[in-house]
Amino acid sequence: MTVPAPLQLPASVRQHLFASGAETAQALTALVAGSLRRGVSERGAGSLIVSGGRSPTAFFEALSVQALAWDKIVVSLADDRWVAADDADSNENLVRRHLLRGAAAAARFVPLVDVGVTPEQHLAAAEQALATVPHPYDAVLLGVGDDGHTASMFPGADATPAALDVRRPQRLAAVTPKDAPHRRISLTLRALLDARLVAILIAGEGKRAAIELAARSMPEQHPIAAFLQQDAVPVHVFFSP
């Protein structure tokens, strides 16, 4: 396979293009591990916010074997579905199985979900828990849906406009997608941009089309656009066919 052509994205977005998913995972691992080491060195603690889905699995496994001071690193989620932690659709479940293993199991994990209550009832407690994660986060990992959603900020969801409003102090939002299963909890744009860097991991021509469309769209229509169209926080896009 050959390295893909550059994506049509704003010049401020750093593009990392690779012929395979394995190469992409290794390069992303090097970037994130370096940022975590910087966090530990500068403030005695590192922090990482990650997304779920199939795409980051190889990255999680590669990062989990990095020689990091894992006992000084805190990991949390960009979003999660309102399901039990052992559910197959749980992002927490994915992270615990593929990232928080071996030496990386020493990291402190901050979950977002408590299925004993509703998302709205849990927001205050989740905000308090999230506040214990050192920020600015050393790295935030996002994906992109075919509809341009990222984290659980979905186009058309009632909670999305408020979640995209950086003037609001809230760092979490309860979201009910119109066309996706499960209620969700999501970090807001304000929270996700409180980071040293944002990495967006995508693969395949469908995702290329989605992110290129979002780059020339409005965040309310394609929420990932809010990250692509700002230049206050470095954004890195990792792409393979």
C-alpha atoms as a PDB file:
ATOM      1  CA  MET A   1       0.000   0.000   0.000  1.00  0.00           C
ATOM      2  CA  THR A   2       1.113   3.551  -0.658  1.00  0.00           C
ATOM      3  CA  VAL A   3       0.870   6.606   1.541  1.00  0.00           C
ATOM      4  CA  PRO A   4      -2.451   8.364   0.856  1.00  0.00           C
ATOM      5  CA  ALA A   5      -2.726  11.836  -0.604  1.00  0.00           C
ATOM      6  CA  PRO A   6      -3.075  14.696   1.890  1.00  0.00           C
ATOM      7  CA  LEU A   7      -6.552  15.491   3.136  1.00  0.00           C
ATOM      8  CA  GLN A   8      -8.240  18.764   2.267  1.00  0.00           C
ATOM      9  CA  LEU A   9      -8.035  20.340   5.736  1.00  0.00           C
ATOM     10  CA  PRO A  10      -7.061  23.750   7.139  1.00  0.00           C
ATOM     11  CA  ALA A  11      -3.333  24.460   7.001  1.00  0.00           C
ATOM     12  CA  SER A  12      -3.185  24.643  10.800  1.00  0.00           C
ATOM     13  CA  VAL A  13      -4.043  20.929  11.073  1.00  0.00           C
ATOM     14  CA  ARG A  14      -0.995  18.681  11.186  1.00  0.00           C
ATOM     15  CA  GLN A  15      -1.502  15.653   8.957  1.00  0.00           C
ATOM     16  CA  HIS A  16       0.136  12.276   9.609  1.00  0.00           C
ATOM     17  CA  LEU A  17      -0.454   9.982   6.640  1.00  0.00           C
ATOM     18  CA  PHE A  18       0.445   6.299   6.589  1.00  0.00           C
ATOM     19  CA  ALA A  19      -0.031   3.301   4.347  1.00  0.00           C
ATOM     20  CA  SER A  20      -1.322   1.042   7.133  1.00  0.00           C
ATOM     21  CA  GLY A  21      -3.184   1.151  10.402  1.00  0.00           C
ATOM     22  CA  ALA A  22      -0.217  -0.431  12.185  1.00  0.00           C
ATOM     23  CA  GLU A  23       2.097   2.411  11.144  1.00  0.00           C
ATOM     24  CA  THR A  24      -0.548   4.925  12.173  1.00  0.00           C
ATOM     25  CA  ALA A  25      -0.898   3.371  15.624  1.00  0.00           C
ATOM     26  CA  GLN A  26       2.849   3.431  16.213  1.00  0.00           C
ATOM     27  CA  ALA A  27       3.184   7.085  15.182  1.00  0.00           C
ATOM     28  CA  LEU A  28       0.210   8.120  17.314  1.00  0.00           C
ATOM     29  CA  THR A  29       1.668   6.186  20.237  1.00  0.00           C
ATOM     30  CA  ALA A  30       4.971   8.047  19.928  1.00  0.00           C
ATOM     31  CA  LEU A  31       3.209  11.435  19.942  1.00  0.00           C
ATOM     32  CA  VAL A  32       0.951  10.652  22.908  1.00  0.00           C
ATOM     33  CA  ALA A  33       3.643   8.926  24.951  1.00  0.00           C
ATOM     34  CA  GLY A  34       5.918  11.931  24.477  1.00  0.00           C
ATOM     35  CA  SER A  35       3.223  14.299  25.682  1.00  0.00           C
ATOM     36  CA  LEU A  36       2.500  12.115  28.711  1.00  0.00           C
ATOM     37  CA  ARG A  37       6.191  12.039  29.605  1.00  0.00           C
ATOM     38  CA  ARG A  38       6.237  15.818  29.407  1.00  0.00           C
ATOM     39  CA  GLY A  39       3.261  16.039  31.739  1.00  0.00           C
ATOM     40  CA  VAL A  40       4.861  13.756  34.299  1.00  0.00           C
ATOM     41  CA  SER A  41       8.155  15.626  34.057  1.00  0.00           C
ATOM     42  CA  GLU A  42       6.670  19.114  34.351  1.00  0.00           C
ATOM     43  CA  ARG A  43       3.914  18.628  36.936  1.00  0.00           C
ATOM     44  CA  GLY A  44       4.393  15.156  38.344  1.00  0.00           C
ATOM     45  CA  ALA A  45       1.295  13.766  36.617  1.00  0.00           C
ATOM     46  CA  GLY A  46       0.145  12.954  33.103  1.00  0.00           C
ATOM     47  CA  SER A  47      -3.392  12.892  31.747  1.00  0.00           C
ATOM     48  CA  LEU A  48      -5.009  11.281  28.726  1.00  0.00           C
ATOM     49  CA  ILE A  49      -8.568  11.545  27.387  1.00  0.00           C
ATOM     50  CA  VAL A  50      -9.530   8.862  24.866  1.00  0.00           C
ATOM     51  CA  SER A  51     -12.446   7.898  22.655  1.00  0.00           C
ATOM     52  CA  GLY A  52     -13.890   4.461  21.984  1.00  0.00           C
ATOM     53  CA  GLY A  53     -14.783   2.589  18.823  1.00  0.00           C
ATOM     54  CA  ARG A  54     -12.794   0.110  16.776  1.00  0.00           C
ATOM     55  CA  SER A  55     -10.173   2.489  15.383  1.00  0.00           C
ATOM     56  CA  PRO A  56      -8.096   3.131  18.535  1.00  0.00           C
ATOM     57  CA  THR A  57      -7.683  -0.507  19.635  1.00  0.00           C
ATOM     58  CA  ALA A  58      -4.235  -0.963  18.054  1.00  0.00           C
ATOM     59  CA  PHE A  59      -3.142   2.381  19.494  1.00  0.00           C
ATOM     60  CA  PHE A  60      -4.342   1.400  22.978  1.00  0.00           C
ATOM     61  CA  GLU A  61      -2.392  -1.843  22.838  1.00  0.00           C
ATOM     62  CA  ALA A  62       0.758  -0.130  21.567  1.00  0.00           C
ATOM     63  CA  LEU A  63       0.544   2.576  24.233  1.00  0.00           C
ATOM     64  CA  SER A  64      -0.042   0.055  27.018  1.00  0.00           C
ATOM     65  CA  VAL A  65       3.472  -1.384  26.595  1.00  0.00           C
ATOM     66  CA  GLN A  66       5.247   1.972  26.586  1.00  0.00           C
ATOM     67  CA  ALA A  67       7.759   2.570  29.380  1.00  0.00           C
ATOM     68  CA  LEU A  68       5.809   5.312  31.157  1.00  0.00           C
ATOM     69  CA  ALA A  69       5.343   6.250  34.792  1.00  0.00           C
ATOM     70  CA  TRP A  70       1.864   4.759  34.660  1.00  0.00           C
ATOM     71  CA  ASP A  71       1.243   5.222  38.365  1.00  0.00           C
ATOM     72  CA  LYS A  72       1.440   8.979  37.729  1.00  0.00           C
ATOM     73  CA  ILE A  73      -0.939   8.979  34.751  1.00  0.00           C
ATOM     74  CA  VAL A  74      -4.706   9.532  34.829  1.00  0.00           C
ATOM     75  CA  VAL A  75      -6.936   8.270  32.012  1.00  0.00           C
ATOM     76  CA  SER A  76     -10.526   9.212  31.271  1.00  0.00           C
ATOM     77  CA  LEU A  77     -12.950   9.237  28.354  1.00  0.00           C
ATOM     78  CA  ALA A  78     -14.092  11.798  25.821  1.00  0.00           C
ATOM     79  CA  ASP A  79     -17.530  10.183  26.079  1.00  0.00           C
ATOM     80  CA  ASP A  80     -19.316   6.986  26.957  1.00  0.00           C
ATOM     81  CA  ARG A  81     -22.616   5.257  26.366  1.00  0.00           C
ATOM     82  CA  TRP A  82     -24.973   4.971  29.353  1.00  0.00           C
ATOM     83  CA  VAL A  83     -24.442   1.228  29.759  1.00  0.00           C
ATOM     84  CA  ALA A  84     -22.811  -0.932  32.407  1.00  0.00           C
ATOM     85  CA  ALA A  85     -19.009  -1.026  32.438  1.00  0.00           C
ATOM     86  CA  ASP A  86     -18.988  -4.678  31.353  1.00  0.00           C
ATOM     87  CA  ASP A  87     -21.305  -4.057  28.394  1.00  0.00           C
ATOM     88  CA  ALA A  88     -19.833  -4.647  24.936  1.00  0.00           C
ATOM     89  CA  ASP A  89     -20.861  -1.090  23.947  1.00  0.00           C
ATOM     90  CA  SER A  90     -19.056   0.535  26.888  1.00  0.00           C
ATOM     91  CA  ASN A  91     -16.031   2.661  26.090  1.00  0.00           C
ATOM     92  CA  GLU A  92     -14.816   2.056  29.636  1.00  0.00           C
ATOM     93  CA  ASN A  93     -14.879  -1.671  28.908  1.00  0.00           C
ATOM     94  CA  LEU A  94     -12.831  -1.147  25.728  1.00  0.00           C
ATOM     95  CA  VAL A  95     -10.209   0.952  27.510  1.00  0.00           C
ATOM     96  CA  ARG A  96      -9.870  -1.459  30.412  1.00  0.00           C
ATOM     97  CA  ARG A  97      -9.408  -4.431  28.047  1.00  0.00           C
ATOM     98  CA  HIS A  98      -6.980  -2.871  25.574  1.00  0.00           C
ATOM     99  CA  LEU A  99      -5.155  -0.034  27.351  1.00  0.00           C
ATOM    100  CA  LEU A 100      -5.265  -0.466  31.131  1.00  0.00           C
ATOM    101  CA  ARG A 101      -3.443  -3.794  31.194  1.00  0.00           C
ATOM    102  CA  GLY A 102       0.029  -4.930  32.166  1.00  0.00           C
ATOM    103  CA  ALA A 103       2.110  -2.029  33.471  1.00  0.00           C
ATOM    104  CA  ALA A 104      -0.556   0.415  32.252  1.00  0.00           C
ATOM    105  CA  ALA A 105      -3.013  -1.045  34.776  1.00  0.00           C
ATOM    106  CA  ALA A 106      -1.261   1.164  37.347  1.00  0.00           C
ATOM    107  CA  ALA A 107      -2.823   4.264  35.761  1.00  0.00           C
ATOM    108  CA  ARG A 108      -5.795   5.821  37.544  1.00  0.00           C
ATOM    109  CA  PHE A 109      -8.964   5.605  35.523  1.00  0.00           C
ATOM    110  CA  VAL A 110     -11.805   8.101  35.938  1.00  0.00           C
ATOM    111  CA  PRO A 111     -15.102   6.687  34.613  1.00  0.00           C
ATOM    112  CA  LEU A 112     -17.992   8.851  33.433  1.00  0.00           C
ATOM    113  CA  VAL A 113     -20.946   6.491  33.865  1.00  0.00           C
ATOM    114  CA  ASP A 114     -23.064   5.353  36.824  1.00  0.00           C
ATOM    115  CA  VAL A 115     -25.999   3.360  35.480  1.00  0.00           C
ATOM    116  CA  GLY A 116     -27.679   3.462  38.891  1.00  0.00           C
ATOM    117  CA  VAL A 117     -28.907   6.963  38.017  1.00  0.00           C
ATOM    118  CA  THR A 118     -29.714   8.936  34.885  1.00  0.00           C
ATOM    119  CA  PRO A 119     -27.047  10.896  33.001  1.00  0.00           C
ATOM    120  CA  GLU A 120     -28.586  14.162  34.216  1.00  0.00           C
ATOM    121  CA  GLN A 121     -28.517  12.989  37.822  1.00  0.00           C
ATOM    122  CA  HIS A 122     -24.882  11.975  37.509  1.00  0.00           C
ATOM    123  CA  LEU A 123     -23.545  15.095  35.815  1.00  0.00           C
ATOM    124  CA  ALA A 124     -22.543  16.922  39.002  1.00  0.00           C
ATOM    125  CA  ALA A 125     -20.671  13.913  40.409  1.00  0.00           C
ATOM    126  CA  ALA A 126     -19.020  13.235  37.062  1.00  0.00           C
ATOM    127  CA  GLU A 127     -17.909  16.882  36.854  1.00  0.00           C
ATOM    128  CA  GLN A 128     -16.292  16.542  40.284  1.00  0.00           C
ATOM    129  CA  ALA A 129     -14.514  13.340  39.257  1.00  0.00           C
ATOM    130  CA  LEU A 130     -13.326  14.856  35.992  1.00  0.00           C
ATOM    131  CA  ALA A 131     -11.928  17.836  37.884  1.00  0.00           C
ATOM    132  CA  THR A 132      -9.387  15.456  39.481  1.00  0.00           C
ATOM    133  CA  VAL A 133      -7.839  14.745  36.073  1.00  0.00           C
ATOM    134  CA  PRO A 134      -4.818  17.052  35.619  1.00  0.00           C
ATOM    135  CA  HIS A 135      -5.450  19.619  32.950  1.00  0.00           C
ATOM    136  CA  PRO A 136      -4.649  20.883  30.466  1.00  0.00           C
ATOM    137  CA  TYR A 137      -4.800  17.257  29.371  1.00  0.00           C
ATOM    138  CA  ASP A 138      -1.551  16.051  27.890  1.00  0.00           C
ATOM    139  CA  ALA A 139      -3.441  14.505  24.974  1.00  0.00           C
ATOM    140  CA  VAL A 140      -7.013  14.100  23.783  1.00  0.00           C
ATOM    141  CA  LEU A 141      -7.851  11.381  21.273  1.00  0.00           C
ATOM    142  CA  LEU A 142     -10.955  11.808  19.128  1.00  0.00           C
ATOM    143  CA  GLY A 143     -12.609   9.947  16.292  1.00  0.00           C
ATOM    144  CA  VAL A 144     -15.043  11.114  13.625  1.00  0.00           C
ATOM    145  CA  GLY A 145     -18.396   9.589  12.734  1.00  0.00           C
ATOM    146  CA  ASP A 146     -19.677   9.463   9.182  1.00  0.00           C
ATOM    147  CA  ASP A 147     -22.110  12.211  10.217  1.00  0.00           C
ATOM    148  CA  GLY A 148     -19.283  14.416  11.504  1.00  0.00           C
ATOM    149  CA  HIS A 149     -19.920  13.775  15.190  1.00  0.00           C
ATOM    150  CA  THR A 150     -17.058  13.525  17.633  1.00  0.00           C
ATOM    151  CA  ALA A 151     -17.090  12.363  21.255  1.00  0.00           C
ATOM    152  CA  SER A 152     -20.889  12.249  21.736  1.00  0.00           C
ATOM    153  CA  MET A 153     -21.595  15.641  20.225  1.00  0.00           C
ATOM    154  CA  PHE A 154     -24.004  14.586  17.501  1.00  0.00           C
ATOM    155  CA  PRO A 155     -25.503  16.850  14.852  1.00  0.00           C
ATOM    156  CA  GLY A 156     -29.171  17.353  15.611  1.00  0.00           C
ATOM    157  CA  ALA A 157     -28.987  16.281  19.257  1.00  0.00           C
ATOM    158  CA  ASP A 158     -30.651  18.776  21.581  1.00  0.00           C
ATOM    159  CA  ALA A 159     -27.599  19.012  23.844  1.00  0.00           C
ATOM    160  CA  THR A 160     -25.030  19.584  21.095  1.00  0.00           C
ATOM    161  CA  PRO A 161     -25.295  23.377  20.652  1.00  0.00           C
ATOM    162  CA  ALA A 162     -24.671  23.940  24.368  1.00  0.00           C
ATOM    163  CA  ALA A 163     -21.855  21.381  24.394  1.00  0.00           C
ATOM    164  CA  LEU A 164     -20.175  23.289  21.545  1.00  0.00           C
ATOM    165  CA  ASP A 165     -20.473  26.658  23.329  1.00  0.00           C
ATOM    166  CA  VAL A 166     -17.062  27.342  24.868  1.00  0.00           C
ATOM    167  CA  ARG A 167     -18.531  30.225  26.891  1.00  0.00           C
ATOM    168  CA  ARG A 168     -20.425  27.747  29.074  1.00  0.00           C
ATOM    169  CA  PRO A 169     -18.502  26.490  32.123  1.00  0.00           C
ATOM    170  CA  GLN A 170     -19.785  22.912  31.977  1.00  0.00           C
ATOM    171  CA  ARG A 171     -17.244  20.277  31.012  1.00  0.00           C
ATOM    172  CA  LEU A 172     -19.804  17.486  30.543  1.00  0.00           C
ATOM    173  CA  ALA A 173     -23.135  17.106  28.774  1.00  0.00           C
ATOM    174  CA  ALA A 174     -25.863  14.462  28.778  1.00  0.00           C
ATOM    175  CA  VAL A 175     -26.702  13.650  25.155  1.00  0.00           C
ATOM    176  CA  THR A 176     -29.506  11.704  23.507  1.00  0.00           C
ATOM    177  CA  PRO A 177     -28.536  11.062  19.861  1.00  0.00           C
ATOM    178  CA  LYS A 178     -31.323  11.067  17.317  1.00  0.00           C
ATOM    179  CA  ASP A 179     -29.885   8.290  15.154  1.00  0.00           C
ATOM    180  CA  ALA A 180     -27.538   6.302  17.406  1.00  0.00           C
ATOM    181  CA  PRO A 181     -28.272   3.830  20.211  1.00  0.00           C
ATOM    182  CA  HIS A 182     -27.951   4.584  23.919  1.00  0.00           C
ATOM    183  CA  ARG A 183     -27.998   7.785  25.865  1.00  0.00           C
ATOM    184  CA  ARG A 184     -24.518   9.282  26.283  1.00  0.00           C
ATOM    185  CA  ILE A 185     -22.316  11.445  28.443  1.00  0.00           C
ATOM    186  CA  SER A 186     -19.760  13.589  26.651  1.00  0.00           C
ATOM    187  CA  LEU A 187     -17.041  16.052  27.404  1.00  0.00           C
ATOM    188  CA  THR A 188     -17.868  19.436  25.954  1.00  0.00           C
ATOM    189  CA  LEU A 189     -15.834  21.389  23.429  1.00  0.00           C
ATOM    190  CA  ARG A 190     -14.576  23.597  26.263  1.00  0.00           C
ATOM    191  CA  ALA A 191     -13.236  20.558  28.110  1.00  0.00           C
ATOM    192  CA  LEU A 192     -11.753  18.807  25.080  1.00  0.00           C
ATOM    193  CA  LEU A 193      -9.848  21.923  24.016  1.00  0.00           C
ATOM    194  CA  ASP A 194      -8.308  22.199  27.483  1.00  0.00           C
ATOM    195  CA  ALA A 195      -5.415  20.143  26.160  1.00  0.00           C
ATOM    196  CA  ARG A 196      -1.810  20.323  25.022  1.00  0.00           C
ATOM    197  CA  LEU A 197      -2.811  18.562  21.816  1.00  0.00           C
ATOM    198  CA  VAL A 198      -5.806  16.929  20.137  1.00  0.00           C
ATOM    199  CA  ALA A 199      -5.253  13.857  17.966  1.00  0.00           C
ATOM    200  CA  ILE A 200      -7.952  12.717  15.538  1.00  0.00           C
ATOM    201  CA  LEU A 201      -7.645   9.106  14.373  1.00  0.00           C
ATOM    202  CA  ILE A 202      -9.471   8.053  11.203  1.00  0.00           C
ATOM    203  CA  ALA A 203      -9.141   5.367   8.544  1.00  0.00           C
ATOM    204  CA  GLY A 204     -10.744   4.706   5.179  1.00  0.00           C
ATOM    205  CA  GLU A 205     -12.161   6.811   2.389  1.00  0.00           C
ATOM    206  CA  GLY A 206     -15.502   7.218   4.152  1.00  0.00           C
ATOM    207  CA  LYS A 207     -13.807   8.981   7.041  1.00  0.00           C
ATOM    208  CA  ARG A 208     -11.738  11.070   4.625  1.00  0.00           C
ATOM    209  CA  ALA A 209     -14.942  12.279   3.014  1.00  0.00           C
ATOM    210  CA  ALA A 210     -16.539  12.970   6.399  1.00  0.00           C
ATOM    211  CA  ILE A 211     -13.656  15.037   7.792  1.00  0.00           C
ATOM    212  CA  GLU A 212     -13.105  16.962   4.549  1.00  0.00           C
ATOM    213  CA  LEU A 213     -16.797  17.870   4.449  1.00  0.00           C
ATOM    214  CA  ALA A 214     -16.700  18.915   8.102  1.00  0.00           C
ATOM    215  CA  ALA A 215     -13.673  21.130   7.498  1.00  0.00           C
ATOM    216  CA  ARG A 216     -15.766  23.420   5.316  1.00  0.00           C
ATOM    217  CA  SER A 217     -18.978  23.085   7.321  1.00  0.00           C
ATOM    218  CA  MET A 218     -20.373  24.508  10.564  1.00  0.00           C
ATOM    219  CA  PRO A 219     -19.810  22.819  13.949  1.00  0.00           C
ATOM    220  CA  GLU A 220     -23.558  22.538  14.576  1.00  0.00           C
ATOM    221  CA  GLN A 221     -23.825  20.453  11.396  1.00  0.00           C
ATOM    222  CA  HIS A 222     -20.537  18.555  11.778  1.00  0.00           C
ATOM    223  CA  PRO A 223     -19.181  18.979  15.340  1.00  0.00           C
ATOM    224  CA  ILE A 224     -15.649  17.856  14.485  1.00  0.00           C
ATOM    225  CA  ALA A 225     -15.405  21.138  12.546  1.00  0.00           C
ATOM    226  CA  ALA A 226     -15.030  22.999  15.853  1.00  0.00           C
ATOM    227  CA  PHE A 227     -11.627  21.362  16.313  1.00  0.00           C
ATOM    228  CA  LEU A 228     -10.468  21.680  12.716  1.00  0.00           C
ATOM    229  CA  GLN A 229     -11.354  25.354  12.439  1.00  0.00           C
ATOM    230  CA  GLN A 230      -9.533  26.588  15.547  1.00  0.00           C
ATOM    231  CA  ASP A 231      -5.800  27.080  15.958  1.00  0.00           C
ATOM    232  CA  ALA A 232      -5.441  27.710  19.701  1.00  0.00           C
ATOM    233  CA  VAL A 233      -4.762  24.014  20.396  1.00  0.00           C
ATOM    234  CA  PRO A 234      -2.589  21.892  18.069  1.00  0.00           C
ATOM    235  CA  VAL A 235      -4.670  19.360  16.144  1.00  0.00           C
ATOM    236  CA  HIS A 236      -3.083  16.286  14.589  1.00  0.00           C
ATOM    237  CA  VAL A 237      -4.990  14.091  12.129  1.00  0.00           C
ATOM    238  CA  PHE A 238      -3.725  10.519  11.732  1.00  0.00           C
ATOM    239  CA  PHE A 239      -5.044   8.861   8.580  1.00  0.00           C
ATOM    240  CA  SER A 240      -4.548   5.586   6.732  1.00  0.00           C
ATOM    241  CA  PRO A 241      -6.608   4.077   3.902  1.00  0.00           C
END
